[in-house]
Structures are given as structure tokens and as C-alpha cells.
Amino acid sequence: MKIETWLPCFSGFYESIWSNSDTLYNELDSINEDRFDNKLKPLKDDDSIEYDYRTRENDIGKRFTQLFAEELSDYIKDIKFLRINSPKAYNFSTDQIEVEVDLDINKIQEYIKAHREQFVKYLKDTCTSYDGFWSYYSNSIDEWESKTNYYSSLDGGEAHIILKFIARIEAPQFEIFAYEELMGNGCDVYNYFKNWDELRHCPVCDNCGKLFSFTDEDRKKYKQFDNPPAVVCYDCQQKEGE
């Protein structure tokens, strides 16, 4: 049965292990070590970094999806990454990895039957409404079994809740595992810097801090002074001449 849902075990890209307010700033040490070796002045902040965050998020979403399917392969016949769904504001929600998943309903029915008491408690813990939270789903297992025809007809939210339940038991540290796996295989932040070479090899203006590029046009726009030694961009040269 194919269902559109979103994956559990993913904390999103806002102030999480995947990305936070210091993500780019933390790369400065590595960049400035290379700049030092290349006899260039260090960057003072991360403003010069051109970061393709959207491509990185999609790459993480695709590979996280595949790893999750492998981890729960007994219950997932097939899976397809659809998109990263990001909220307009992060007050009450975070980024979600949306997928189309083909579940093995027989295996899921067997699993919940074997872990029925745990599922009863799980529903009470996660689907009970309280002040400030209204649950769209019942916290009664009897109502679940009736509504879903004993888990054979699930909507996206129900599929998410069940996959989260199974993952909490079978793969409680999955997000940490996925993070370590992906960061060690191409999803590190610096791999998505559009101007990685410029950050390590190009000068910055000593007046305004602008980073230059390798283009001939940009090279014409800065001037090197010997006494005192300095690199000044065209705009700053114009201001000094006023």
C-alpha cells in the first residue's frame, strides 16, 4: 500500500545537528587555516560564504530516506523521496522529509500485535490532547484498529505514527547514525560552498572586507599597495579619491 507521509527520526534543519546558527561560522577556522597557508589575510565572518543550502537539504533528504528504508526494510517494501517541506516559521514545527512509502501491511500488523502493550502506551503518550496541544488522532488502540481496518488502510499521519513507533524500538539512535553516515560521505557543509576555491585562495579588501573572485573582471577591480601592504577594492578606491 503506497502512502504519502513524512519520516520520523528527523529533527529538521533549524538549530539541530544538521544545521544551526553557527554552521557557517564554524567552517571559518578551516578556511582561514588554508588562507594562512596561502599567505592571505583571514576572513572575519561568514558573510563571504556562498552556501547552496537548498541542494544540501535535498541531498540529505534523499539519502536519509534510503537509509531509513534500509533500517526498517522488514516493514517497507519501497520508498521514494518527494521533497523537503519547510515551515514558514519554526515556532511550532520544523522541516519534514516527505516520502511516498509502500508498507508491508502484514508485517506491520504482526509487529503491532507482538508489541500491543507498548503501542497502547505509545498512543497514550503521543496522541492525548492537553492544554496547548490538540491531537488529530485517537489515543485509543481500539479506535485505531477500527478506523484503519486493523492497520490495512492508513493515511499519512497514521503511517508516520506507526513508523515512528517501530523506529523507537528497533532503531532508537537512527538519526545519530544517519548523521554520522551522511557527514562522512559527502553531505558536509563545505561541500556545498559555491565559492570554496575563492574562500581559500582569493584576497579580501582591507577596507571593507569584500572577497574577490577568480574572474578577470573582478581582478581588475582591486589594487595592491606596497607601502603599507594592502589590497583595496575598486569601490573603496573611488571613495578614497572623493
C-alpha atoms as a PDB file:
ATOM      1  CA  MET A   1       0.000   0.000   0.000  1.00  0.00           C
ATOM      2  CA  LYS A   2       1.584   3.294  -1.129  1.00  0.00           C
ATOM      3  CA  ILE A   3       1.091   6.273   1.168  1.00  0.00           C
ATOM      4  CA  GLU A   4       2.424   9.815   1.173  1.00  0.00           C
ATOM      5  CA  THR A   5       3.792  10.603   4.617  1.00  0.00           C
ATOM      6  CA  TRP A   6       6.811  12.150   6.343  1.00  0.00           C
ATOM      7  CA  LEU A   7       9.668  10.343   8.017  1.00  0.00           C
ATOM      8  CA  PRO A   8      10.171  10.131  11.775  1.00  0.00           C
ATOM      9  CA  CYS A   9      13.586  10.416  13.454  1.00  0.00           C
ATOM     10  CA  PHE A  10      14.452  13.659  11.653  1.00  0.00           C
ATOM     11  CA  SER A  11      14.841  16.863  13.678  1.00  0.00           C
ATOM     12  CA  GLY A  12      14.958  19.282  10.743  1.00  0.00           C
ATOM     13  CA  PHE A  13      17.489  21.912   9.714  1.00  0.00           C
ATOM     14  CA  TYR A  14      16.720  24.583  12.298  1.00  0.00           C
ATOM     15  CA  GLU A  15      19.037  24.588  15.333  1.00  0.00           C
ATOM     16  CA  SER A  16      19.629  20.838  15.044  1.00  0.00           C
ATOM     17  CA  ILE A  17      22.551  18.508  14.466  1.00  0.00           C
ATOM     18  CA  TRP A  18      22.061  19.035  10.711  1.00  0.00           C
ATOM     19  CA  SER A  19      22.291  22.825  10.751  1.00  0.00           C
ATOM     20  CA  ASN A  20      22.305  25.676  13.242  1.00  0.00           C
ATOM     21  CA  SER A  21      23.104  29.363  13.564  1.00  0.00           C
ATOM     22  CA  ASP A  22      26.842  28.591  13.866  1.00  0.00           C
ATOM     23  CA  THR A  23      27.047  26.184  10.920  1.00  0.00           C
ATOM     24  CA  LEU A  24      28.855  28.549   8.550  1.00  0.00           C
ATOM     25  CA  TYR A  25      30.841  30.355  11.236  1.00  0.00           C
ATOM     26  CA  ASN A  26      32.263  27.039  12.434  1.00  0.00           C
ATOM     27  CA  GLU A  27      33.810  26.495   8.981  1.00  0.00           C
ATOM     28  CA  LEU A  28      35.860  29.699   9.246  1.00  0.00           C
ATOM     29  CA  ASP A  29      38.706  28.067  11.176  1.00  0.00           C
ATOM     30  CA  SER A  30      39.298  25.568   8.392  1.00  0.00           C
ATOM     31  CA  ILE A  31      39.013  28.238   5.694  1.00  0.00           C
ATOM     32  CA  ASN A  32      41.369  30.590   7.495  1.00  0.00           C
ATOM     33  CA  GLU A  33      43.956  27.854   8.009  1.00  0.00           C
ATOM     34  CA  ASP A  34      44.090  27.472   4.231  1.00  0.00           C
ATOM     35  CA  ARG A  35      44.194  31.242   3.783  1.00  0.00           C
ATOM     36  CA  PHE A  36      47.129  31.446   6.202  1.00  0.00           C
ATOM     37  CA  ASP A  37      48.997  28.762   4.209  1.00  0.00           C
ATOM     38  CA  ASN A  38      48.287  30.794   1.057  1.00  0.00           C
ATOM     39  CA  LYS A  39      49.643  33.986   2.708  1.00  0.00           C
ATOM     40  CA  LEU A  40      46.209  35.637   2.739  1.00  0.00           C
ATOM     41  CA  LYS A  41      44.512  37.562   5.498  1.00  0.00           C
ATOM     42  CA  PRO A  42      41.772  35.680   7.389  1.00  0.00           C
ATOM     43  CA  LEU A  43      38.056  36.171   6.862  1.00  0.00           C
ATOM     44  CA  LYS A  44      36.477  37.925   9.840  1.00  0.00           C
ATOM     45  CA  ASP A  45      32.996  36.444   9.433  1.00  0.00           C
ATOM     46  CA  ASP A  46      30.938  34.101   7.241  1.00  0.00           C
ATOM     47  CA  ASP A  47      29.337  36.833   5.105  1.00  0.00           C
ATOM     48  CA  SER A  48      31.507  35.935   2.094  1.00  0.00           C
ATOM     49  CA  ILE A  49      30.412  32.279   2.042  1.00  0.00           C
ATOM     50  CA  GLU A  50      28.031  31.419  -0.787  1.00  0.00           C
ATOM     51  CA  TYR A  51      26.194  28.390   0.580  1.00  0.00           C
ATOM     52  CA  ASP A  52      23.854  26.211  -1.511  1.00  0.00           C
ATOM     53  CA  TYR A  53      21.753  25.118   1.456  1.00  0.00           C
ATOM     54  CA  ARG A  54      18.790  24.000  -0.651  1.00  0.00           C
ATOM     55  CA  THR A  55      20.804  21.410  -2.597  1.00  0.00           C
ATOM     56  CA  ARG A  56      22.340  20.130   0.634  1.00  0.00           C
ATOM     57  CA  GLU A  57      18.925  19.777   2.276  1.00  0.00           C
ATOM     58  CA  ASN A  58      17.574  17.811  -0.693  1.00  0.00           C
ATOM     59  CA  ASP A  59      20.649  15.573  -0.793  1.00  0.00           C
ATOM     60  CA  ILE A  60      20.301  14.853   2.923  1.00  0.00           C
ATOM     61  CA  GLY A  61      16.581  14.170   2.463  1.00  0.00           C
ATOM     62  CA  LYS A  62      17.204  11.667  -0.339  1.00  0.00           C
ATOM     63  CA  ARG A  63      19.968   9.792   1.455  1.00  0.00           C
ATOM     64  CA  PHE A  64      18.223   9.865   4.835  1.00  0.00           C
ATOM     65  CA  THR A  65      15.190   8.325   3.109  1.00  0.00           C
ATOM     66  CA  GLN A  66      17.251   5.490   1.677  1.00  0.00           C
ATOM     67  CA  LEU A  67      18.978   4.771   4.982  1.00  0.00           C
ATOM     68  CA  PHE A  68      15.649   4.744   6.804  1.00  0.00           C
ATOM     69  CA  ALA A  69      14.189   2.281   4.300  1.00  0.00           C
ATOM     70  CA  GLU A  70      17.204   0.010   4.749  1.00  0.00           C
ATOM     71  CA  GLU A  71      16.919   0.205   8.533  1.00  0.00           C
ATOM     72  CA  LEU A  72      13.222  -0.763   8.503  1.00  0.00           C
ATOM     73  CA  SER A  73      13.375  -2.982   5.436  1.00  0.00           C
ATOM     74  CA  ASP A  74      11.177  -5.618   7.105  1.00  0.00           C
ATOM     75  CA  TYR A  75       8.264  -3.165   7.040  1.00  0.00           C
ATOM     76  CA  ILE A  76       8.997  -1.019   3.987  1.00  0.00           C
ATOM     77  CA  LYS A  77       8.702  -2.582   0.539  1.00  0.00           C
ATOM     78  CA  ASP A  78       9.671   0.528  -1.361  1.00  0.00           C
ATOM     79  CA  ILE A  79      10.170   4.233  -0.720  1.00  0.00           C
ATOM     80  CA  LYS A  80      10.507   7.389  -2.803  1.00  0.00           C
ATOM     81  CA  PHE A  81      11.798  10.764  -1.635  1.00  0.00           C
ATOM     82  CA  LEU A  82       9.373  13.524  -2.603  1.00  0.00           C
ATOM     83  CA  ARG A  83      10.543  16.788  -1.096  1.00  0.00           C
ATOM     84  CA  ILE A  84      11.724  18.746   1.922  1.00  0.00           C
ATOM     85  CA  ASN A  85       8.757  20.583   3.394  1.00  0.00           C
ATOM     86  CA  SER A  86       9.898  23.634   5.365  1.00  0.00           C
ATOM     87  CA  PRO A  87       7.564  25.722   7.536  1.00  0.00           C
ATOM     88  CA  LYS A  88       7.206  29.466   7.036  1.00  0.00           C
ATOM     89  CA  ALA A  89       8.174  29.889  10.698  1.00  0.00           C
ATOM     90  CA  TYR A  90       9.832  27.469  13.120  1.00  0.00           C
ATOM     91  CA  ASN A  91       7.767  28.355  16.207  1.00  0.00           C
ATOM     92  CA  PHE A  92       5.761  25.128  16.317  1.00  0.00           C
ATOM     93  CA  SER A  93       7.155  22.865  13.584  1.00  0.00           C
ATOM     94  CA  THR A  94      10.310  22.085  11.644  1.00  0.00           C
ATOM     95  CA  ASP A  95      11.433  20.702   8.284  1.00  0.00           C
ATOM     96  CA  GLN A  96       9.954  17.382   7.205  1.00  0.00           C
ATOM     97  CA  ILE A  97      11.209  14.754   4.758  1.00  0.00           C
ATOM     98  CA  GLU A  98       8.131  13.864   2.714  1.00  0.00           C
ATOM     99  CA  VAL A  99       8.075  10.477   1.014  1.00  0.00           C
ATOM    100  CA  GLU A 100       5.880   8.002  -0.776  1.00  0.00           C
ATOM    101  CA  VAL A 101       6.194   4.682   1.001  1.00  0.00           C
ATOM    102  CA  ASP A 102       4.937   1.212   0.179  1.00  0.00           C
ATOM    103  CA  LEU A 103       4.371  -0.533   3.510  1.00  0.00           C
ATOM    104  CA  ASP A 104       4.259  -4.260   4.166  1.00  0.00           C
ATOM    105  CA  ILE A 105       0.921  -4.272   5.962  1.00  0.00           C
ATOM    106  CA  ASN A 106       1.164  -7.901   7.051  1.00  0.00           C
ATOM    107  CA  LYS A 107       4.499  -7.293   8.748  1.00  0.00           C
ATOM    108  CA  ILE A 108       3.175  -4.138  10.438  1.00  0.00           C
ATOM    109  CA  GLN A 109       0.102  -5.982  11.711  1.00  0.00           C
ATOM    110  CA  GLU A 110       2.330  -8.729  13.116  1.00  0.00           C
ATOM    111  CA  TYR A 111       4.641  -6.189  14.745  1.00  0.00           C
ATOM    112  CA  ILE A 112       1.885  -4.251  16.493  1.00  0.00           C
ATOM    113  CA  LYS A 113       0.266  -7.500  17.626  1.00  0.00           C
ATOM    114  CA  ALA A 114       3.586  -8.591  19.147  1.00  0.00           C
ATOM    115  CA  HIS A 115       4.103  -5.176  20.808  1.00  0.00           C
ATOM    116  CA  ARG A 116       0.481  -4.335  21.574  1.00  0.00           C
ATOM    117  CA  GLU A 117       1.006  -3.186  25.163  1.00  0.00           C
ATOM    118  CA  GLN A 118       3.831  -0.890  24.102  1.00  0.00           C
ATOM    119  CA  PHE A 119       1.695   0.528  21.295  1.00  0.00           C
ATOM    120  CA  VAL A 120      -1.145   1.190  23.732  1.00  0.00           C
ATOM    121  CA  LYS A 121       1.209   3.218  25.936  1.00  0.00           C
ATOM    122  CA  TYR A 122       2.757   4.943  22.920  1.00  0.00           C
ATOM    123  CA  LEU A 123      -0.654   6.132  21.703  1.00  0.00           C
ATOM    124  CA  LYS A 124      -1.494   7.432  25.165  1.00  0.00           C
ATOM    125  CA  ASP A 125       1.808   9.306  25.317  1.00  0.00           C
ATOM    126  CA  THR A 126       1.741  10.819  21.832  1.00  0.00           C
ATOM    127  CA  CYS A 127      -1.926  11.162  20.867  1.00  0.00           C
ATOM    128  CA  THR A 128      -3.504  12.508  24.048  1.00  0.00           C
ATOM    129  CA  SER A 129      -4.655  16.127  23.823  1.00  0.00           C
ATOM    130  CA  TYR A 130      -3.707  18.624  26.535  1.00  0.00           C
ATOM    131  CA  ASP A 131      -3.622  22.395  27.045  1.00  0.00           C
ATOM    132  CA  GLY A 132      -1.808  23.832  24.041  1.00  0.00           C
ATOM    133  CA  PHE A 133      -1.981  20.620  22.021  1.00  0.00           C
ATOM    134  CA  TRP A 134      -4.912  19.042  20.227  1.00  0.00           C
ATOM    135  CA  SER A 135      -4.340  15.573  18.785  1.00  0.00           C
ATOM    136  CA  TYR A 136      -5.906  14.839  15.435  1.00  0.00           C
ATOM    137  CA  TYR A 137      -5.597  11.111  16.131  1.00  0.00           C
ATOM    138  CA  SER A 138      -7.226   8.988  18.812  1.00  0.00           C
ATOM    139  CA  ASN A 139      -5.173   7.663  21.725  1.00  0.00           C
ATOM    140  CA  SER A 140      -7.306   4.502  21.837  1.00  0.00           C
ATOM    141  CA  ILE A 141      -5.913   1.404  20.172  1.00  0.00           C
ATOM    142  CA  ASP A 142      -9.424   0.028  19.732  1.00  0.00           C
ATOM    143  CA  GLU A 143     -10.400   3.107  17.731  1.00  0.00           C
ATOM    144  CA  TRP A 144      -7.231   2.809  15.692  1.00  0.00           C
ATOM    145  CA  GLU A 145      -7.915  -0.811  14.823  1.00  0.00           C
ATOM    146  CA  SER A 146     -11.498   0.012  13.875  1.00  0.00           C
ATOM    147  CA  LYS A 147     -10.732   3.138  11.818  1.00  0.00           C
ATOM    148  CA  THR A 148      -7.785   1.630   9.929  1.00  0.00           C
ATOM    149  CA  ASN A 149      -9.367  -1.809   9.479  1.00  0.00           C
ATOM    150  CA  TYR A 150      -6.626  -3.279  11.621  1.00  0.00           C
ATOM    151  CA  TYR A 151      -3.868  -1.116  10.037  1.00  0.00           C
ATOM    152  CA  SER A 152      -4.695  -2.082   6.454  1.00  0.00           C
ATOM    153  CA  SER A 153      -5.916   1.394   5.460  1.00  0.00           C
ATOM    154  CA  LEU A 154      -3.661   4.178   6.740  1.00  0.00           C
ATOM    155  CA  ASP A 155      -3.447   7.864   5.994  1.00  0.00           C
ATOM    156  CA  GLY A 156      -0.157   9.780   6.032  1.00  0.00           C
ATOM    157  CA  GLY A 157      -0.346  10.747   9.689  1.00  0.00           C
ATOM    158  CA  GLU A 158      -1.172   7.220  10.817  1.00  0.00           C
ATOM    159  CA  ALA A 159       1.689   5.816   8.757  1.00  0.00           C
ATOM    160  CA  HIS A 160       4.066   8.355  10.347  1.00  0.00           C
ATOM    161  CA  ILE A 161       2.932   7.438  13.865  1.00  0.00           C
ATOM    162  CA  ILE A 162       3.383   3.710  13.234  1.00  0.00           C
ATOM    163  CA  LEU A 163       6.797   4.113  11.590  1.00  0.00           C
ATOM    164  CA  LYS A 164       7.892   6.298  14.498  1.00  0.00           C
ATOM    165  CA  PHE A 165       6.705   3.654  16.954  1.00  0.00           C
ATOM    166  CA  ILE A 166       8.646   0.899  15.212  1.00  0.00           C
ATOM    167  CA  ALA A 167      11.766   3.052  14.821  1.00  0.00           C
ATOM    168  CA  ARG A 168      11.772   3.993  18.518  1.00  0.00           C
ATOM    169  CA  ILE A 169      12.093   0.318  19.386  1.00  0.00           C
ATOM    170  CA  GLU A 170      14.164  -1.035  16.508  1.00  0.00           C
ATOM    171  CA  ALA A 171      16.396   1.978  15.767  1.00  0.00           C
ATOM    172  CA  PRO A 172      16.357   4.371  18.742  1.00  0.00           C
ATOM    173  CA  GLN A 173      19.607   6.086  17.682  1.00  0.00           C
ATOM    174  CA  PHE A 174      18.813   6.223  13.984  1.00  0.00           C
ATOM    175  CA  GLU A 175      19.178   9.980  13.496  1.00  0.00           C
ATOM    176  CA  ILE A 176      22.663   9.967  15.044  1.00  0.00           C
ATOM    177  CA  PHE A 177      23.624   7.004  12.872  1.00  0.00           C
ATOM    178  CA  ALA A 178      22.274   8.726   9.745  1.00  0.00           C
ATOM    179  CA  TYR A 179      24.063  11.978  10.595  1.00  0.00           C
ATOM    180  CA  GLU A 180      27.421  10.275  11.044  1.00  0.00           C
ATOM    181  CA  GLU A 181      26.913   8.242   7.882  1.00  0.00           C
ATOM    182  CA  LEU A 182      25.985  11.234   5.711  1.00  0.00           C
ATOM    183  CA  MET A 183      28.518  13.692   7.124  1.00  0.00           C
ATOM    184  CA  GLY A 184      31.257  11.202   6.370  1.00  0.00           C
ATOM    185  CA  ASN A 185      30.057  10.663   2.818  1.00  0.00           C
ATOM    186  CA  GLY A 186      29.655  13.958   1.037  1.00  0.00           C
ATOM    187  CA  CYS A 187      26.999  15.915   2.933  1.00  0.00           C
ATOM    188  CA  ASP A 188      29.392  18.029   4.991  1.00  0.00           C
ATOM    189  CA  VAL A 189      28.556  21.721   4.833  1.00  0.00           C
ATOM    190  CA  TYR A 190      31.706  22.782   2.960  1.00  0.00           C
ATOM    191  CA  ASN A 191      30.837  20.536   0.025  1.00  0.00           C
ATOM    192  CA  TYR A 192      28.006  22.969  -0.719  1.00  0.00           C
ATOM    193  CA  PHE A 193      30.024  26.185  -0.723  1.00  0.00           C
ATOM    194  CA  LYS A 194      29.675  27.646  -4.223  1.00  0.00           C
ATOM    195  CA  ASN A 195      32.857  29.704  -3.845  1.00  0.00           C
ATOM    196  CA  TRP A 196      35.025  27.219  -1.944  1.00  0.00           C
ATOM    197  CA  ASP A 197      38.155  27.907  -4.019  1.00  0.00           C
ATOM    198  CA  GLU A 198      37.767  31.686  -3.751  1.00  0.00           C
ATOM    199  CA  LEU A 199      37.347  31.443   0.020  1.00  0.00           C
ATOM    200  CA  ARG A 200      40.743  29.767   0.311  1.00  0.00           C
ATOM    201  CA  HIS A 201      42.713  31.475  -2.462  1.00  0.00           C
ATOM    202  CA  CYS A 202      41.397  34.997  -3.115  1.00  0.00           C
ATOM    203  CA  PRO A 203      42.245  38.251  -1.303  1.00  0.00           C
ATOM    204  CA  VAL A 204      39.812  40.431   0.581  1.00  0.00           C
ATOM    205  CA  CYS A 205      39.641  44.197   0.566  1.00  0.00           C
ATOM    206  CA  ASP A 206      41.488  45.580   3.573  1.00  0.00           C
ATOM    207  CA  ASN A 207      38.972  48.391   3.882  1.00  0.00           C
ATOM    208  CA  CYS A 208      35.544  46.780   3.527  1.00  0.00           C
ATOM    209  CA  GLY A 209      36.346  43.043   3.734  1.00  0.00           C
ATOM    210  CA  LYS A 210      34.889  42.146   0.322  1.00  0.00           C
ATOM    211  CA  LEU A 211      36.095  38.799  -1.045  1.00  0.00           C
ATOM    212  CA  PHE A 212      37.305  38.843  -4.636  1.00  0.00           C
ATOM    213  CA  SER A 213      36.783  36.069  -7.171  1.00  0.00           C
ATOM    214  CA  PHE A 214      38.992  34.488  -9.838  1.00  0.00           C
ATOM    215  CA  THR A 215      37.263  36.283 -12.726  1.00  0.00           C
ATOM    216  CA  ASP A 216      39.308  38.707 -14.845  1.00  0.00           C
ATOM    217  CA  GLU A 217      36.629  41.340 -14.297  1.00  0.00           C
ATOM    218  CA  ASP A 218      36.969  41.089 -10.539  1.00  0.00           C
ATOM    219  CA  ARG A 219      40.766  41.092 -10.679  1.00  0.00           C
ATOM    220  CA  LYS A 220      40.646  44.461 -12.431  1.00  0.00           C
ATOM    221  CA  LYS A 221      38.654  45.891  -9.537  1.00  0.00           C
ATOM    222  CA  TYR A 222      41.275  45.627  -6.819  1.00  0.00           C
ATOM    223  CA  LYS A 223      44.663  47.209  -6.399  1.00  0.00           C
ATOM    224  CA  GLN A 224      47.630  46.085  -4.349  1.00  0.00           C
ATOM    225  CA  PHE A 225      49.646  48.652  -2.439  1.00  0.00           C
ATOM    226  CA  ASP A 226      53.163  48.025  -1.198  1.00  0.00           C
ATOM    227  CA  ASN A 227      53.566  50.742   1.421  1.00  0.00           C
ATOM    228  CA  PRO A 228      51.820  49.863   3.592  1.00  0.00           C
ATOM    229  CA  PRO A 229      50.910  46.456   2.070  1.00  0.00           C
ATOM    230  CA  ALA A 230      47.182  46.383   1.340  1.00  0.00           C
ATOM    231  CA  VAL A 231      44.551  45.167  -1.098  1.00  0.00           C
ATOM    232  CA  VAL A 232      41.794  47.667  -1.836  1.00  0.00           C
ATOM    233  CA  CYS A 233      38.694  47.107  -3.942  1.00  0.00           C
ATOM    234  CA  TYR A 234      37.519  49.453  -6.682  1.00  0.00           C
ATOM    235  CA  ASP A 235      34.637  50.889  -4.637  1.00  0.00           C
ATOM    236  CA  CYS A 236      36.945  51.765  -1.745  1.00  0.00           C
ATOM    237  CA  GLN A 237      39.445  53.287  -4.164  1.00  0.00           C
ATOM    238  CA  GLN A 238      36.707  55.526  -5.514  1.00  0.00           C
ATOM    239  CA  LYS A 239      35.673  56.604  -2.016  1.00  0.00           C
ATOM    240  CA  GLU A 240      39.274  57.409  -1.119  1.00  0.00           C
ATOM    241  CA  GLY A 241      39.556  59.513  -4.257  1.00  0.00           C
ATOM    242  CA  GLU A 242      36.494  61.591  -3.436  1.00  0.00           C
END
